[in-house]
Amino acid sequence: MLIRPHDKGVTPDGTLDEARWRGFVQSQGFGHLVASGRDRDLPVVVPTQFLLEEDKVVLHLARPNPIFEPLVENPRCVLSVAGDWAYIRGAWKAIGEEDPRWGIPTTYYGAVQLCCTATIVDEPENVAAILARQLGSLEPDGDYVDPAEQVSSLRAIRAIELAVDDVRAKFKYGGNVDDEHRAHVAARLLERDDPGDRAAASHMKTSES
């Protein structure tokens, strides 16, 4: 993806803001796993829930899922996560005496791509352990049967561990404009309050660009 300097999501010293991209990925919890395999016309793209753990991502999928074949061919893959998006009307970019008709509309959003090496997990006890960690994150009250006891269900799924070795992060939230223009757009987002607007406005308020 194209990442312009003002959208990189870095700390004041210019390094990738790990807390920001991790927080974003964890808050989304859902993305698209992309595997190219070998000599294929198109990659396989699978929407999936996942759990980020330190420098590793774990997830599980139905055994017939088409992603497994390309991962066997080539374990290199990308987990793409995008969200907190909002359409920005062109007129919102004008303040003071600026002509709102000349404002350029755009879409603000966050996107993180985790470049990974995949390991397929088939041992029932290990699959159960990964499933338990995912459930523990999604349902911390623990009001469910231990996955290790669901023997028949475990036969129907496989797990995947993704070792993350590179991160590409983009936070396109008006980092190329001054604070006054950014605050004006954020205020319009809060007024409209469509899905994603509040999240986008929050990103704009915390922007360090």
N, C-alpha and C. Protein backbone atom coordinates (compact mmCIF):
# COMPACT_ATOMS: atom_id res chain seq x y z
N MET A 1 0.85 -1.19 0.00
CA MET A 1 0.00 0.00 0.00
C MET A 1 0.89 1.25 0.00
N LEU A 2 0.35 2.31 -0.52
CA LEU A 2 1.06 3.58 -0.52
C LEU A 2 0.99 4.19 0.87
N ILE A 3 2.15 4.50 1.44
CA ILE A 3 2.19 5.13 2.76
C ILE A 3 3.00 6.42 2.64
N ARG A 4 2.30 7.53 2.65
CA ARG A 4 2.99 8.82 2.57
C ARG A 4 3.61 9.15 3.93
N PRO A 5 4.64 10.00 3.94
CA PRO A 5 5.35 10.29 5.20
C PRO A 5 4.43 10.73 6.33
N HIS A 6 3.39 11.53 6.03
CA HIS A 6 2.51 12.03 7.09
C HIS A 6 1.49 11.00 7.56
N ASP A 7 1.45 9.82 6.93
CA ASP A 7 0.51 8.77 7.31
C ASP A 7 1.19 7.57 7.97
N LYS A 8 2.48 7.67 8.22
CA LYS A 8 3.24 6.48 8.62
C LYS A 8 2.93 5.96 10.02
N GLY A 9 2.42 6.79 10.90
CA GLY A 9 2.15 6.34 12.25
C GLY A 9 3.43 6.07 13.01
N VAL A 10 4.26 7.10 13.13
CA VAL A 10 5.55 6.96 13.80
C VAL A 10 5.58 7.80 15.07
N THR A 11 6.55 7.50 15.92
CA THR A 11 6.77 8.28 17.14
C THR A 11 7.55 9.55 16.78
N PRO A 12 7.68 10.49 17.71
CA PRO A 12 8.41 11.73 17.40
C PRO A 12 9.84 11.52 16.91
N ASP A 13 10.46 10.39 17.30
CA ASP A 13 11.83 10.15 16.84
C ASP A 13 11.88 9.45 15.49
N GLY A 14 10.72 9.22 14.87
CA GLY A 14 10.68 8.68 13.53
C GLY A 14 10.57 7.17 13.44
N THR A 15 10.49 6.47 14.56
CA THR A 15 10.36 5.02 14.53
C THR A 15 8.88 4.63 14.53
N LEU A 16 8.61 3.42 14.04
CA LEU A 16 7.23 2.95 13.98
C LEU A 16 6.62 2.93 15.37
N ASP A 17 5.44 3.53 15.50
CA ASP A 17 4.76 3.62 16.79
C ASP A 17 4.12 2.28 17.11
N GLU A 18 4.86 1.44 17.85
CA GLU A 18 4.39 0.08 18.11
C GLU A 18 3.10 0.07 18.93
N ALA A 19 3.02 0.94 19.91
CA ALA A 19 1.81 0.97 20.73
C ALA A 19 0.59 1.30 19.88
N ARG A 20 0.76 2.19 18.92
CA ARG A 20 -0.37 2.59 18.10
C ARG A 20 -0.82 1.47 17.16
N TRP A 21 0.13 0.86 16.44
CA TRP A 21 -0.32 -0.17 15.51
C TRP A 21 -0.83 -1.40 16.24
N ARG A 22 -0.22 -1.73 17.38
CA ARG A 22 -0.71 -2.88 18.16
C ARG A 22 -2.11 -2.61 18.69
N GLY A 23 -2.31 -1.42 19.22
CA GLY A 23 -3.63 -1.08 19.74
C GLY A 23 -4.69 -1.13 18.66
N PHE A 24 -4.33 -0.66 17.47
CA PHE A 24 -5.27 -0.67 16.35
C PHE A 24 -5.61 -2.11 15.95
N VAL A 25 -4.58 -2.94 15.77
CA VAL A 25 -4.80 -4.32 15.34
C VAL A 25 -5.63 -5.07 16.38
N GLN A 26 -5.31 -4.89 17.65
CA GLN A 26 -6.05 -5.58 18.71
C GLN A 26 -7.50 -5.11 18.78
N SER A 27 -7.72 -3.82 18.56
CA SER A 27 -9.08 -3.30 18.64
C SER A 27 -9.94 -3.80 17.48
N GLN A 28 -9.32 -4.05 16.33
CA GLN A 28 -10.07 -4.56 15.18
C GLN A 28 -10.36 -6.05 15.35
N GLY A 29 -9.32 -6.84 15.59
CA GLY A 29 -9.50 -8.26 15.85
C GLY A 29 -9.96 -9.09 14.67
N PHE A 30 -10.07 -8.47 13.50
CA PHE A 30 -10.57 -9.16 12.31
C PHE A 30 -9.81 -8.62 11.11
N GLY A 31 -9.41 -9.51 10.21
CA GLY A 31 -8.66 -9.05 9.05
C GLY A 31 -8.76 -10.05 7.91
N HIS A 32 -7.87 -9.89 6.93
CA HIS A 32 -7.84 -10.78 5.78
C HIS A 32 -6.45 -11.39 5.67
N LEU A 33 -6.40 -12.72 5.71
CA LEU A 33 -5.15 -13.45 5.54
C LEU A 33 -4.96 -13.72 4.06
N VAL A 34 -3.79 -13.32 3.54
CA VAL A 34 -3.51 -13.40 2.11
C VAL A 34 -2.31 -14.31 1.89
N ALA A 35 -2.49 -15.36 1.09
CA ALA A 35 -1.42 -16.30 0.78
C ALA A 35 -1.30 -16.44 -0.73
N SER A 36 -0.11 -16.27 -1.26
CA SER A 36 0.08 -16.32 -2.72
C SER A 36 0.43 -17.71 -3.22
N GLY A 37 0.95 -18.58 -2.33
CA GLY A 37 1.34 -19.91 -2.76
C GLY A 37 2.45 -19.86 -3.79
N ARG A 38 2.41 -20.77 -4.75
CA ARG A 38 3.40 -20.83 -5.83
C ARG A 38 2.70 -20.93 -7.18
N ASP A 39 3.10 -20.07 -8.10
CA ASP A 39 2.63 -20.14 -9.50
C ASP A 39 1.11 -20.14 -9.61
N ARG A 40 0.46 -19.31 -8.82
CA ARG A 40 -0.99 -19.18 -8.89
C ARG A 40 -1.37 -17.90 -9.63
N ASP A 41 -2.51 -17.93 -10.30
CA ASP A 41 -2.98 -16.73 -11.00
C ASP A 41 -3.37 -15.64 -10.00
N LEU A 42 -3.97 -16.05 -8.89
CA LEU A 42 -4.42 -15.11 -7.87
C LEU A 42 -4.09 -15.65 -6.48
N PRO A 43 -3.84 -14.76 -5.52
CA PRO A 43 -3.66 -15.23 -4.15
C PRO A 43 -4.99 -15.67 -3.55
N VAL A 44 -4.92 -16.42 -2.47
CA VAL A 44 -6.12 -16.78 -1.72
C VAL A 44 -6.27 -15.78 -0.59
N VAL A 45 -7.45 -15.21 -0.43
CA VAL A 45 -7.72 -14.19 0.58
C VAL A 45 -8.86 -14.70 1.47
N VAL A 46 -8.59 -14.78 2.77
CA VAL A 46 -9.56 -15.34 3.70
C VAL A 46 -9.85 -14.35 4.82
N PRO A 47 -11.11 -13.93 5.00
CA PRO A 47 -11.48 -13.10 6.15
C PRO A 47 -11.47 -13.96 7.41
N THR A 48 -10.90 -13.42 8.49
CA THR A 48 -10.79 -14.25 9.69
C THR A 48 -10.64 -13.44 10.97
N GLN A 49 -11.16 -14.00 12.05
CA GLN A 49 -10.87 -13.49 13.40
C GLN A 49 -9.45 -13.95 13.75
N PHE A 50 -8.78 -13.22 14.62
CA PHE A 50 -7.42 -13.60 14.99
C PHE A 50 -7.11 -13.03 16.36
N LEU A 51 -5.97 -13.47 16.91
CA LEU A 51 -5.49 -12.95 18.19
C LEU A 51 -4.02 -12.61 18.05
N LEU A 52 -3.68 -11.35 18.34
CA LEU A 52 -2.28 -10.91 18.30
C LEU A 52 -1.65 -11.15 19.67
N GLU A 53 -0.52 -11.89 19.67
CA GLU A 53 0.21 -12.20 20.89
C GLU A 53 1.68 -11.86 20.68
N GLU A 54 2.14 -10.78 21.28
CA GLU A 54 3.54 -10.36 21.11
C GLU A 54 3.88 -10.29 19.62
N ASP A 55 4.84 -11.09 19.17
CA ASP A 55 5.23 -11.09 17.75
C ASP A 55 4.64 -12.28 17.00
N LYS A 56 3.47 -12.71 17.43
CA LYS A 56 2.82 -13.86 16.83
C LYS A 56 1.32 -13.61 16.76
N VAL A 57 0.71 -14.16 15.73
CA VAL A 57 -0.74 -14.13 15.58
C VAL A 57 -1.23 -15.57 15.53
N VAL A 58 -2.31 -15.87 16.22
CA VAL A 58 -2.91 -17.20 16.17
C VAL A 58 -4.35 -17.09 15.70
N LEU A 59 -4.80 -18.13 15.00
CA LEU A 59 -6.17 -18.16 14.51
C LEU A 59 -6.54 -19.60 14.18
N HIS A 60 -7.79 -19.84 13.92
CA HIS A 60 -8.21 -21.18 13.50
C HIS A 60 -9.23 -21.03 12.37
N LEU A 61 -9.26 -22.06 11.52
CA LEU A 61 -10.16 -22.05 10.37
C LEU A 61 -10.70 -23.46 10.15
N ALA A 62 -11.80 -23.55 9.40
CA ALA A 62 -12.35 -24.85 9.06
C ALA A 62 -11.34 -25.63 8.22
N ARG A 63 -11.26 -26.91 8.44
CA ARG A 63 -10.27 -27.74 7.78
C ARG A 63 -10.30 -27.63 6.25
N PRO A 64 -11.48 -27.49 5.60
CA PRO A 64 -11.48 -27.38 4.12
C PRO A 64 -11.09 -26.00 3.60
N ASN A 65 -10.75 -25.07 4.47
CA ASN A 65 -10.47 -23.71 4.01
C ASN A 65 -9.39 -23.70 2.93
N PRO A 66 -9.59 -22.95 1.84
CA PRO A 66 -8.64 -22.95 0.72
C PRO A 66 -7.29 -22.32 1.02
N ILE A 67 -7.14 -21.67 2.17
CA ILE A 67 -5.88 -21.00 2.48
C ILE A 67 -4.76 -21.99 2.79
N PHE A 68 -5.12 -23.19 3.22
CA PHE A 68 -4.09 -24.13 3.67
C PHE A 68 -3.19 -24.60 2.53
N GLU A 69 -3.75 -24.83 1.38
CA GLU A 69 -2.94 -25.32 0.25
C GLU A 69 -1.85 -24.33 -0.15
N PRO A 70 -2.16 -23.05 -0.37
CA PRO A 70 -1.09 -22.12 -0.69
C PRO A 70 -0.09 -21.91 0.44
N LEU A 71 -0.54 -22.05 1.69
CA LEU A 71 0.40 -21.90 2.80
C LEU A 71 1.40 -23.05 2.85
N VAL A 72 0.96 -24.24 2.42
CA VAL A 72 1.89 -25.37 2.31
C VAL A 72 2.90 -25.11 1.20
N GLU A 73 2.43 -24.56 0.10
CA GLU A 73 3.31 -24.24 -1.03
C GLU A 73 4.33 -23.16 -0.66
N ASN A 74 3.87 -22.18 0.11
CA ASN A 74 4.70 -21.04 0.47
C ASN A 74 4.16 -20.44 1.77
N PRO A 75 4.87 -20.60 2.88
CA PRO A 75 4.34 -20.13 4.17
C PRO A 75 4.36 -18.62 4.36
N ARG A 76 4.98 -17.89 3.45
CA ARG A 76 4.99 -16.44 3.56
C ARG A 76 3.60 -15.90 3.23
N CYS A 77 3.11 -15.00 4.07
CA CYS A 77 1.75 -14.49 3.89
C CYS A 77 1.63 -13.11 4.54
N VAL A 78 0.48 -12.49 4.33
CA VAL A 78 0.20 -11.17 4.90
C VAL A 78 -1.15 -11.21 5.59
N LEU A 79 -1.20 -10.69 6.80
CA LEU A 79 -2.48 -10.46 7.48
C LEU A 79 -2.78 -8.96 7.36
N SER A 80 -3.82 -8.63 6.64
CA SER A 80 -4.18 -7.24 6.37
C SER A 80 -5.35 -6.84 7.26
N VAL A 81 -5.17 -5.75 8.00
CA VAL A 81 -6.18 -5.26 8.92
C VAL A 81 -6.48 -3.80 8.59
N ALA A 82 -7.73 -3.48 8.37
CA ALA A 82 -8.11 -2.09 8.07
C ALA A 82 -9.40 -1.76 8.78
N GLY A 83 -9.56 -0.50 9.15
CA GLY A 83 -10.79 -0.11 9.83
C GLY A 83 -10.78 1.34 10.25
N ASP A 84 -11.72 1.69 11.13
CA ASP A 84 -11.88 3.05 11.63
C ASP A 84 -11.90 4.05 10.47
N TRP A 85 -12.68 3.71 9.43
CA TRP A 85 -12.68 4.54 8.24
C TRP A 85 -13.89 5.48 8.24
N ALA A 86 -13.71 6.60 7.57
CA ALA A 86 -14.79 7.59 7.48
C ALA A 86 -14.61 8.41 6.21
N TYR A 87 -15.70 8.64 5.50
CA TYR A 87 -15.66 9.49 4.31
C TYR A 87 -15.64 10.95 4.74
N ILE A 88 -14.74 11.71 4.14
CA ILE A 88 -14.59 13.13 4.46
C ILE A 88 -15.08 13.97 3.29
N ARG A 89 -16.14 14.71 3.51
CA ARG A 89 -16.67 15.59 2.47
C ARG A 89 -15.67 16.69 2.15
N GLY A 90 -15.60 17.06 0.87
CA GLY A 90 -14.67 18.09 0.47
C GLY A 90 -14.89 19.41 1.18
N ALA A 91 -16.16 19.76 1.38
CA ALA A 91 -16.49 21.04 2.01
C ALA A 91 -15.98 21.12 3.45
N TRP A 92 -15.79 19.98 4.10
CA TRP A 92 -15.32 19.98 5.48
C TRP A 92 -13.88 20.46 5.61
N LYS A 93 -13.17 20.47 4.50
CA LYS A 93 -11.76 20.85 4.55
C LYS A 93 -11.55 22.36 4.48
N ALA A 94 -12.63 23.09 4.33
CA ALA A 94 -12.53 24.55 4.22
C ALA A 94 -12.86 25.20 5.56
N ILE A 95 -12.04 26.15 5.97
CA ILE A 95 -12.31 26.92 7.18
C ILE A 95 -12.17 28.40 6.85
N GLY A 96 -12.72 29.24 7.71
CA GLY A 96 -12.60 30.68 7.50
C GLY A 96 -13.21 31.10 6.18
N GLU A 97 -12.43 31.84 5.37
CA GLU A 97 -12.92 32.35 4.10
C GLU A 97 -12.61 31.42 2.93
N GLU A 98 -12.11 30.24 3.20
CA GLU A 98 -11.82 29.28 2.13
C GLU A 98 -13.11 28.81 1.48
N ASP A 99 -13.09 28.64 0.16
CA ASP A 99 -14.27 28.23 -0.60
C ASP A 99 -14.49 26.72 -0.42
N PRO A 100 -15.58 26.28 0.23
CA PRO A 100 -15.80 24.85 0.46
C PRO A 100 -15.99 24.04 -0.82
N ARG A 101 -16.34 24.71 -1.93
CA ARG A 101 -16.54 23.99 -3.18
C ARG A 101 -15.24 23.41 -3.72
N TRP A 102 -14.11 23.98 -3.28
CA TRP A 102 -12.80 23.53 -3.77
C TRP A 102 -12.17 22.47 -2.86
N GLY A 103 -12.86 22.11 -1.82
CA GLY A 103 -12.32 21.07 -0.94
C GLY A 103 -12.27 19.72 -1.65
N ILE A 104 -11.24 18.96 -1.39
CA ILE A 104 -11.07 17.65 -2.04
C ILE A 104 -11.53 16.55 -1.10
N PRO A 105 -12.58 15.81 -1.48
CA PRO A 105 -13.06 14.74 -0.61
C PRO A 105 -12.06 13.58 -0.56
N THR A 106 -12.13 12.82 0.52
CA THR A 106 -11.23 11.68 0.66
C THR A 106 -11.83 10.73 1.69
N THR A 107 -11.14 9.67 1.98
CA THR A 107 -11.53 8.75 3.04
C THR A 107 -10.37 8.61 4.01
N TYR A 108 -10.66 8.77 5.28
CA TYR A 108 -9.66 8.55 6.33
C TYR A 108 -9.82 7.12 6.86
N TYR A 109 -8.70 6.51 7.18
CA TYR A 109 -8.74 5.12 7.66
C TYR A 109 -7.40 4.73 8.26
N GLY A 110 -7.42 3.64 9.01
CA GLY A 110 -6.20 3.03 9.50
C GLY A 110 -6.01 1.69 8.81
N ALA A 111 -4.76 1.31 8.56
CA ALA A 111 -4.48 0.02 7.93
C ALA A 111 -3.12 -0.47 8.41
N VAL A 112 -3.07 -1.73 8.78
CA VAL A 112 -1.82 -2.37 9.19
C VAL A 112 -1.70 -3.69 8.46
N GLN A 113 -0.52 -3.91 7.88
CA GLN A 113 -0.24 -5.18 7.22
C GLN A 113 0.88 -5.88 7.97
N LEU A 114 0.59 -7.09 8.45
CA LEU A 114 1.57 -7.89 9.17
C LEU A 114 2.15 -8.92 8.20
N CYS A 115 3.44 -8.83 7.94
CA CYS A 115 4.11 -9.78 7.06
C CYS A 115 4.59 -10.95 7.92
N CYS A 116 4.22 -12.16 7.54
CA CYS A 116 4.37 -13.30 8.44
C CYS A 116 4.88 -14.55 7.73
N THR A 117 5.33 -15.48 8.55
CA THR A 117 5.59 -16.85 8.12
C THR A 117 4.64 -17.76 8.90
N ALA A 118 3.87 -18.55 8.17
CA ALA A 118 2.82 -19.36 8.78
C ALA A 118 3.30 -20.76 9.12
N THR A 119 2.81 -21.25 10.25
CA THR A 119 2.96 -22.65 10.64
C THR A 119 1.57 -23.21 10.88
N ILE A 120 1.23 -24.28 10.16
CA ILE A 120 -0.07 -24.92 10.33
C ILE A 120 -0.01 -25.86 11.52
N VAL A 121 -1.01 -25.77 12.37
CA VAL A 121 -1.05 -26.57 13.59
C VAL A 121 -2.19 -27.58 13.49
N ASP A 122 -1.85 -28.88 13.59
CA ASP A 122 -2.86 -29.93 13.45
C ASP A 122 -3.04 -30.77 14.72
N GLU A 123 -2.05 -30.78 15.62
CA GLU A 123 -2.17 -31.60 16.81
C GLU A 123 -3.37 -31.13 17.63
N PRO A 124 -4.30 -32.03 17.96
CA PRO A 124 -5.53 -31.62 18.64
C PRO A 124 -5.30 -30.81 19.90
N GLU A 125 -4.31 -31.19 20.71
CA GLU A 125 -4.08 -30.47 21.95
C GLU A 125 -3.58 -29.05 21.70
N ASN A 126 -2.80 -28.88 20.64
CA ASN A 126 -2.30 -27.54 20.31
C ASN A 126 -3.38 -26.68 19.66
N VAL A 127 -4.21 -27.31 18.85
CA VAL A 127 -5.35 -26.59 18.27
C VAL A 127 -6.28 -26.12 19.39
N ALA A 128 -6.52 -27.01 20.34
CA ALA A 128 -7.39 -26.66 21.47
C ALA A 128 -6.81 -25.51 22.28
N ALA A 129 -5.49 -25.52 22.47
CA ALA A 129 -4.85 -24.46 23.24
C ALA A 129 -4.98 -23.10 22.54
N ILE A 130 -4.82 -23.09 21.21
CA ILE A 130 -4.97 -21.84 20.46
C ILE A 130 -6.42 -21.37 20.51
N LEU A 131 -7.34 -22.29 20.34
CA LEU A 131 -8.76 -21.94 20.40
C LEU A 131 -9.11 -21.38 21.77
N ALA A 132 -8.53 -21.96 22.83
CA ALA A 132 -8.80 -21.49 24.19
C ALA A 132 -8.28 -20.07 24.39
N ARG A 133 -7.14 -19.76 23.81
CA ARG A 133 -6.59 -18.40 23.95
C ARG A 133 -7.46 -17.40 23.20
N GLN A 134 -7.92 -17.78 22.02
CA GLN A 134 -8.81 -16.88 21.29
C GLN A 134 -10.11 -16.64 22.06
N LEU A 135 -10.70 -17.73 22.56
CA LEU A 135 -11.93 -17.59 23.32
C LEU A 135 -11.71 -16.77 24.59
N GLY A 136 -10.57 -16.97 25.23
CA GLY A 136 -10.26 -16.21 26.44
C GLY A 136 -10.20 -14.73 26.19
N SER A 137 -9.77 -14.35 24.99
CA SER A 137 -9.70 -12.94 24.63
C SER A 137 -11.09 -12.38 24.30
N LEU A 138 -11.90 -13.19 23.63
CA LEU A 138 -13.21 -12.74 23.18
C LEU A 138 -14.29 -12.88 24.26
N GLU A 139 -14.14 -13.90 25.11
CA GLU A 139 -15.12 -14.15 26.16
C GLU A 139 -14.40 -14.34 27.50
N PRO A 140 -13.88 -13.26 28.06
CA PRO A 140 -13.07 -13.39 29.28
C PRO A 140 -13.83 -13.94 30.49
N ASP A 141 -15.16 -13.96 30.44
CA ASP A 141 -15.91 -14.51 31.56
C ASP A 141 -15.78 -16.03 31.64
N GLY A 142 -15.31 -16.65 30.56
CA GLY A 142 -15.04 -18.08 30.57
C GLY A 142 -16.25 -18.97 30.65
N ASP A 143 -17.41 -18.48 30.25
CA ASP A 143 -18.65 -19.26 30.36
C ASP A 143 -18.84 -20.13 29.12
N TYR A 144 -17.94 -21.11 28.94
CA TYR A 144 -18.02 -22.02 27.80
C TYR A 144 -17.25 -23.29 28.14
N VAL A 145 -17.51 -24.34 27.38
CA VAL A 145 -16.84 -25.62 27.59
C VAL A 145 -15.38 -25.51 27.14
N ASP A 146 -14.49 -26.12 27.89
CA ASP A 146 -13.08 -26.15 27.52
C ASP A 146 -12.94 -26.76 26.13
N PRO A 147 -12.30 -26.03 25.18
CA PRO A 147 -12.16 -26.57 23.82
C PRO A 147 -11.53 -27.96 23.78
N ALA A 148 -10.66 -28.27 24.73
CA ALA A 148 -10.02 -29.58 24.75
C ALA A 148 -11.02 -30.71 24.91
N GLU A 149 -12.20 -30.39 25.44
CA GLU A 149 -13.22 -31.41 25.64
C GLU A 149 -14.13 -31.57 24.41
N GLN A 150 -13.99 -30.66 23.47
CA GLN A 150 -14.86 -30.70 22.28
C GLN A 150 -14.15 -31.48 21.17
N VAL A 151 -13.94 -32.74 21.40
CA VAL A 151 -13.11 -33.57 20.52
C VAL A 151 -13.63 -33.59 19.09
N SER A 152 -14.92 -33.77 18.90
CA SER A 152 -15.46 -33.85 17.54
C SER A 152 -15.30 -32.53 16.80
N SER A 153 -15.47 -31.42 17.50
CA SER A 153 -15.33 -30.11 16.85
C SER A 153 -13.87 -29.84 16.47
N LEU A 154 -12.94 -30.31 17.28
CA LEU A 154 -11.53 -30.08 16.99
C LEU A 154 -11.10 -30.77 15.70
N ARG A 155 -11.76 -31.87 15.37
CA ARG A 155 -11.40 -32.58 14.14
C ARG A 155 -11.75 -31.75 12.90
N ALA A 156 -12.67 -30.80 13.06
CA ALA A 156 -13.16 -30.04 11.91
C ALA A 156 -12.35 -28.78 11.64
N ILE A 157 -11.38 -28.47 12.50
CA ILE A 157 -10.62 -27.22 12.32
C ILE A 157 -9.13 -27.46 12.36
N ARG A 158 -8.39 -26.50 11.81
CA ARG A 158 -6.93 -26.46 11.91
C ARG A 158 -6.56 -25.07 12.42
N ALA A 159 -5.45 -24.98 13.09
CA ALA A 159 -4.99 -23.68 13.59
C ALA A 159 -3.78 -23.21 12.81
N ILE A 160 -3.52 -21.94 12.90
CA ILE A 160 -2.35 -21.36 12.22
C ILE A 160 -1.65 -20.41 13.19
N GLU A 161 -0.35 -20.52 13.24
CA GLU A 161 0.48 -19.55 13.96
C GLU A 161 1.24 -18.73 12.92
N LEU A 162 1.17 -17.42 13.07
CA LEU A 162 1.85 -16.49 12.16
C LEU A 162 2.97 -15.78 12.91
N ALA A 163 4.20 -16.03 12.51
CA ALA A 163 5.34 -15.33 13.09
C ALA A 163 5.51 -14.01 12.35
N VAL A 164 5.31 -12.89 13.04
CA VAL A 164 5.35 -11.57 12.41
C VAL A 164 6.80 -11.08 12.35
N ASP A 165 7.27 -10.74 11.15
CA ASP A 165 8.64 -10.24 11.01
C ASP A 165 8.73 -8.85 10.40
N ASP A 166 7.59 -8.32 9.96
CA ASP A 166 7.60 -6.96 9.42
C ASP A 166 6.20 -6.38 9.56
N VAL A 167 6.14 -5.08 9.81
CA VAL A 167 4.86 -4.41 10.00
C VAL A 167 4.82 -3.15 9.14
N ARG A 168 3.75 -2.99 8.38
CA ARG A 168 3.52 -1.79 7.58
C ARG A 168 2.26 -1.13 8.11
N ALA A 169 2.40 0.07 8.61
CA ALA A 169 1.26 0.74 9.25
C ALA A 169 0.97 2.07 8.56
N LYS A 170 -0.32 2.33 8.36
CA LYS A 170 -0.75 3.58 7.76
C LYS A 170 -1.95 4.12 8.54
N PHE A 171 -1.86 5.38 8.94
CA PHE A 171 -2.97 6.04 9.62
C PHE A 171 -3.25 7.35 8.89
N LYS A 172 -4.19 7.27 7.95
CA LYS A 172 -4.51 8.42 7.12
C LYS A 172 -5.63 9.21 7.79
N TYR A 173 -5.23 10.20 8.60
CA TYR A 173 -6.21 11.00 9.34
C TYR A 173 -5.83 12.48 9.31
N GLY A 174 -5.53 12.98 8.13
CA GLY A 174 -5.27 14.40 7.99
C GLY A 174 -3.93 14.85 8.52
N GLY A 175 -2.96 13.98 8.54
CA GLY A 175 -1.65 14.35 9.03
C GLY A 175 -0.92 15.36 8.16
N ASN A 176 -1.47 15.61 6.96
CA ASN A 176 -0.84 16.56 6.04
C ASN A 176 -1.39 17.98 6.18
N VAL A 177 -2.30 18.20 7.14
CA VAL A 177 -2.86 19.54 7.32
C VAL A 177 -2.58 20.03 8.74
N ASP A 178 -2.83 21.31 8.97
CA ASP A 178 -2.54 21.88 10.28
C ASP A 178 -3.62 21.49 11.29
N ASP A 179 -3.33 21.80 12.56
CA ASP A 179 -4.24 21.41 13.65
C ASP A 179 -5.63 22.01 13.48
N GLU A 180 -5.71 23.25 12.99
CA GLU A 180 -7.00 23.92 12.86
C GLU A 180 -7.90 23.19 11.86
N HIS A 181 -7.34 22.83 10.70
CA HIS A 181 -8.13 22.12 9.70
C HIS A 181 -8.50 20.73 10.20
N ARG A 182 -7.58 20.08 10.87
CA ARG A 182 -7.85 18.73 11.37
C ARG A 182 -8.96 18.76 12.43
N ALA A 183 -8.92 19.75 13.31
CA ALA A 183 -9.94 19.87 14.35
C ALA A 183 -11.31 20.15 13.74
N HIS A 184 -11.32 20.92 12.65
CA HIS A 184 -12.59 21.24 11.98
C HIS A 184 -13.22 19.97 11.43
N VAL A 185 -12.42 19.13 10.77
CA VAL A 185 -12.94 17.88 10.21
C VAL A 185 -13.39 16.95 11.33
N ALA A 186 -12.61 16.87 12.40
CA ALA A 186 -12.98 16.00 13.52
C ALA A 186 -14.33 16.41 14.11
N ALA A 187 -14.56 17.71 14.21
CA ALA A 187 -15.83 18.20 14.73
C ALA A 187 -16.99 17.81 13.82
N ARG A 188 -16.77 17.87 12.50
CA ARG A 188 -17.82 17.48 11.56
C ARG A 188 -18.13 15.99 11.67
N LEU A 189 -17.09 15.19 11.88
CA LEU A 189 -17.28 13.75 12.04
C LEU A 189 -18.15 13.45 13.26
N LEU A 190 -17.87 14.13 14.36
CA LEU A 190 -18.64 13.90 15.58
C LEU A 190 -20.08 14.34 15.41
N GLU A 191 -20.31 15.39 14.63
CA GLU A 191 -21.67 15.84 14.35
C GLU A 191 -22.43 14.83 13.51
N ARG A 192 -21.78 14.28 12.49
CA ARG A 192 -22.45 13.31 11.61
C ARG A 192 -22.68 11.99 12.35
N ASP A 193 -21.65 11.51 13.02
CA ASP A 193 -21.75 10.32 13.88
C ASP A 193 -22.21 9.07 13.13
N ASP A 194 -21.75 8.89 11.90
CA ASP A 194 -21.97 7.64 11.18
C ASP A 194 -21.03 6.57 11.74
N PRO A 195 -21.28 5.30 11.42
CA PRO A 195 -20.35 4.26 11.88
C PRO A 195 -18.91 4.58 11.45
N GLY A 196 -18.00 4.53 12.37
CA GLY A 196 -16.60 4.82 12.08
C GLY A 196 -16.19 6.26 12.31
N ASP A 197 -17.17 7.18 12.38
CA ASP A 197 -16.84 8.60 12.50
C ASP A 197 -16.15 8.92 13.82
N ARG A 198 -16.66 8.39 14.91
CA ARG A 198 -16.07 8.70 16.22
C ARG A 198 -14.65 8.14 16.33
N ALA A 199 -14.46 6.94 15.80
CA ALA A 199 -13.13 6.35 15.83
C ALA A 199 -12.16 7.17 15.00
N ALA A 200 -12.59 7.60 13.83
CA ALA A 200 -11.74 8.41 12.97
C ALA A 200 -11.40 9.74 13.65
N ALA A 201 -12.39 10.37 14.25
CA ALA A 201 -12.16 11.64 14.95
C ALA A 201 -11.17 11.45 16.09
N SER A 202 -11.26 10.34 16.79
CA SER A 202 -10.34 10.06 17.88
C SER A 202 -8.92 9.94 17.37
N HIS A 203 -8.74 9.27 16.25
CA HIS A 203 -7.40 9.15 15.65
C HIS A 203 -6.85 10.51 15.28
N MET A 204 -7.70 11.40 14.81
CA MET A 204 -7.25 12.73 14.40
C MET A 204 -6.79 13.54 15.61
N LYS A 205 -7.49 13.38 16.72
CA LYS A 205 -7.13 14.14 17.93
C LYS A 205 -5.80 13.67 18.50
N THR A 206 -5.45 12.38 18.28
CA THR A 206 -4.21 11.86 18.84
C THR A 206 -3.08 11.89 17.84
N SER A 207 -3.34 12.42 16.62
CA SER A 207 -2.29 12.45 15.61
C SER A 207 -1.14 13.32 16.06
N GLU A 208 0.08 12.85 15.79
CA GLU A 208 1.29 13.60 16.13
C GLU A 208 1.91 14.21 14.90
N SER A 209 1.22 14.10 13.74
CA SER A 209 1.77 14.65 12.51
C SER A 209 1.61 16.17 12.49
